[in-house]
Amino acid sequence: SNACRSAFTYPGLHCYDNESELAELLNMDLEIPEILPRPAKAEKRFIDCLRKLASNSINS
């Protein structure tokens, strides 16, 4: 599906297309992935972008 197409590279994320594939995943002994580091730089860019958009809409 479209929502899953960019998730293939993330450990611990699994895609399924139907109920039987989901049931199969739920019955598997899946490995717990390592916790990824917080994307602080990306978070800051996102927040800065939202603030700029909000500021522009207030000033318009």
N, C-alpha and C. Protein backbone atom coordinates (compact mmCIF):
# COMPACT_ATOMS: atom_id res chain seq x y z
N SER A 1 0.83 -1.19 0.00
CA SER A 1 0.00 0.00 0.00
C SER A 1 0.87 1.25 0.00
N ASN A 2 0.28 2.36 -0.31
CA ASN A 2 1.02 3.62 -0.34
C ASN A 2 1.60 3.98 1.01
N ALA A 3 0.86 3.74 2.07
CA ALA A 3 1.34 4.11 3.41
C ALA A 3 2.55 3.30 3.82
N CYS A 4 2.72 2.15 3.27
CA CYS A 4 3.79 1.25 3.69
C CYS A 4 5.03 1.33 2.81
N ARG A 5 4.92 1.92 1.66
CA ARG A 5 6.01 1.83 0.69
C ARG A 5 7.33 2.42 1.16
N SER A 6 7.30 3.39 2.07
CA SER A 6 8.56 3.97 2.54
C SER A 6 9.00 3.38 3.87
N ALA A 7 8.35 2.34 4.34
CA ALA A 7 8.67 1.77 5.65
C ALA A 7 9.57 0.54 5.57
N PHE A 8 9.92 0.11 4.38
CA PHE A 8 10.67 -1.13 4.24
C PHE A 8 12.07 -1.07 4.84
N THR A 9 12.63 0.11 4.97
CA THR A 9 14.00 0.22 5.47
C THR A 9 14.08 0.36 6.99
N TYR A 10 12.94 0.45 7.66
CA TYR A 10 12.94 0.62 9.11
C TYR A 10 12.81 -0.73 9.81
N PRO A 11 13.79 -1.07 10.65
CA PRO A 11 13.70 -2.34 11.37
C PRO A 11 12.51 -2.32 12.33
N GLY A 12 11.78 -3.42 12.37
CA GLY A 12 10.64 -3.53 13.28
C GLY A 12 9.31 -3.11 12.68
N LEU A 13 9.33 -2.50 11.50
CA LEU A 13 8.08 -2.17 10.82
C LEU A 13 7.80 -3.23 9.77
N HIS A 14 6.59 -3.73 9.79
CA HIS A 14 6.21 -4.80 8.88
C HIS A 14 4.96 -4.40 8.12
N CYS A 15 4.94 -4.72 6.85
CA CYS A 15 3.80 -4.40 5.99
C CYS A 15 2.99 -5.65 5.72
N TYR A 16 1.68 -5.46 5.60
CA TYR A 16 0.80 -6.57 5.24
C TYR A 16 -0.27 -6.05 4.31
N ASP A 17 -0.78 -6.93 3.48
CA ASP A 17 -1.79 -6.53 2.49
C ASP A 17 -3.19 -7.01 2.83
N ASN A 18 -3.30 -7.97 3.74
CA ASN A 18 -4.62 -8.48 4.06
C ASN A 18 -4.63 -9.07 5.48
N GLU A 19 -5.78 -9.51 5.92
CA GLU A 19 -5.92 -10.02 7.29
C GLU A 19 -5.08 -11.26 7.53
N SER A 20 -4.95 -12.12 6.55
CA SER A 20 -4.18 -13.35 6.78
C SER A 20 -2.69 -13.04 6.93
N GLU A 21 -2.18 -12.07 6.17
CA GLU A 21 -0.78 -11.66 6.34
C GLU A 21 -0.57 -11.02 7.71
N LEU A 22 -1.54 -10.22 8.17
CA LEU A 22 -1.45 -9.62 9.49
C LEU A 22 -1.45 -10.71 10.56
N ALA A 23 -2.33 -11.68 10.44
CA ALA A 23 -2.39 -12.78 11.41
C ALA A 23 -1.08 -13.54 11.43
N GLU A 24 -0.48 -13.75 10.27
CA GLU A 24 0.81 -14.43 10.20
C GLU A 24 1.89 -13.64 10.94
N LEU A 25 1.92 -12.33 10.74
CA LEU A 25 2.89 -11.48 11.44
C LEU A 25 2.67 -11.52 12.94
N LEU A 26 1.40 -11.48 13.37
CA LEU A 26 1.10 -11.48 14.80
C LEU A 26 1.49 -12.79 15.47
N ASN A 27 1.55 -13.86 14.71
CA ASN A 27 1.92 -15.16 15.27
C ASN A 27 3.41 -15.46 15.17
N MET A 28 4.17 -14.56 14.57
CA MET A 28 5.61 -14.76 14.44
C MET A 28 6.34 -14.24 15.68
N ASP A 29 7.49 -14.82 15.96
CA ASP A 29 8.35 -14.34 17.04
C ASP A 29 9.28 -13.29 16.43
N LEU A 30 8.82 -12.05 16.41
CA LEU A 30 9.56 -10.97 15.74
C LEU A 30 10.59 -10.36 16.69
N GLU A 31 11.74 -10.03 16.12
CA GLU A 31 12.81 -9.41 16.88
C GLU A 31 12.45 -7.96 17.20
N ILE A 32 12.75 -7.53 18.42
CA ILE A 32 12.52 -6.14 18.80
C ILE A 32 13.71 -5.32 18.34
N PRO A 33 13.47 -4.30 17.51
CA PRO A 33 14.59 -3.52 16.98
C PRO A 33 15.16 -2.55 18.01
N GLU A 34 16.37 -2.10 17.74
CA GLU A 34 17.01 -1.08 18.56
C GLU A 34 16.24 0.24 18.41
N ILE A 35 16.15 0.99 19.48
CA ILE A 35 15.47 2.28 19.42
C ILE A 35 16.35 3.26 18.64
N LEU A 36 15.74 3.90 17.65
CA LEU A 36 16.47 4.85 16.82
C LEU A 36 16.71 6.15 17.58
N PRO A 37 17.81 6.83 17.29
CA PRO A 37 18.06 8.11 17.95
C PRO A 37 17.02 9.15 17.53
N ARG A 38 16.76 10.08 18.42
CA ARG A 38 15.79 11.14 18.15
C ARG A 38 16.30 12.02 17.00
N PRO A 39 15.47 12.29 16.02
CA PRO A 39 15.89 13.13 14.88
C PRO A 39 15.77 14.62 15.21
N ALA A 40 16.58 15.10 16.13
CA ALA A 40 16.46 16.47 16.65
C ALA A 40 16.57 17.52 15.55
N LYS A 41 17.49 17.35 14.60
CA LYS A 41 17.64 18.34 13.53
C LYS A 41 16.40 18.39 12.64
N ALA A 42 15.86 17.23 12.32
CA ALA A 42 14.65 17.19 11.49
C ALA A 42 13.46 17.78 12.25
N GLU A 43 13.37 17.52 13.55
CA GLU A 43 12.30 18.10 14.36
C GLU A 43 12.39 19.62 14.35
N LYS A 44 13.60 20.15 14.50
CA LYS A 44 13.78 21.60 14.51
C LYS A 44 13.39 22.21 13.17
N ARG A 45 13.80 21.57 12.06
CA ARG A 45 13.42 22.07 10.73
C ARG A 45 11.90 22.10 10.57
N PHE A 46 11.24 21.05 11.03
CA PHE A 46 9.79 20.95 10.93
C PHE A 46 9.11 22.05 11.76
N ILE A 47 9.55 22.23 12.99
CA ILE A 47 8.98 23.26 13.87
C ILE A 47 9.22 24.64 13.29
N ASP A 48 10.44 24.89 12.82
CA ASP A 48 10.75 26.19 12.21
C ASP A 48 9.87 26.47 11.00
N CYS A 49 9.64 25.45 10.20
CA CYS A 49 8.79 25.59 9.01
C CYS A 49 7.35 25.93 9.43
N LEU A 50 6.82 25.23 10.43
CA LEU A 50 5.47 25.51 10.90
C LEU A 50 5.36 26.93 11.45
N ARG A 51 6.37 27.35 12.20
CA ARG A 51 6.36 28.71 12.76
C ARG A 51 6.38 29.76 11.64
N LYS A 52 7.17 29.51 10.62
CA LYS A 52 7.24 30.45 9.49
C LYS A 52 5.90 30.51 8.77
N LEU A 53 5.29 29.35 8.54
CA LEU A 53 3.99 29.33 7.87
C LEU A 53 2.94 30.06 8.71
N ALA A 54 2.95 29.82 10.02
CA ALA A 54 1.99 30.48 10.91
C ALA A 54 2.21 31.99 10.91
N SER A 55 3.46 32.40 10.95
CA SER A 55 3.79 33.82 10.95
C SER A 55 3.34 34.48 9.65
N ASN A 56 3.57 33.80 8.54
CA ASN A 56 3.16 34.34 7.23
C ASN A 56 1.64 34.47 7.13
N SER A 57 0.91 33.51 7.68
CA SER A 57 -0.55 33.56 7.58
C SER A 57 -1.13 34.64 8.49
N ILE A 58 -0.47 34.93 9.60
CA ILE A 58 -0.94 35.99 10.50
C ILE A 58 -0.68 37.35 9.87
N ASN A 59 0.45 37.48 9.20
CA ASN A 59 0.84 38.76 8.60
C ASN A 59 0.17 39.03 7.26
N SER A 60 -0.56 38.07 6.73
CA SER A 60 -1.21 38.26 5.41
C SER A 60 -2.55 38.91 5.52
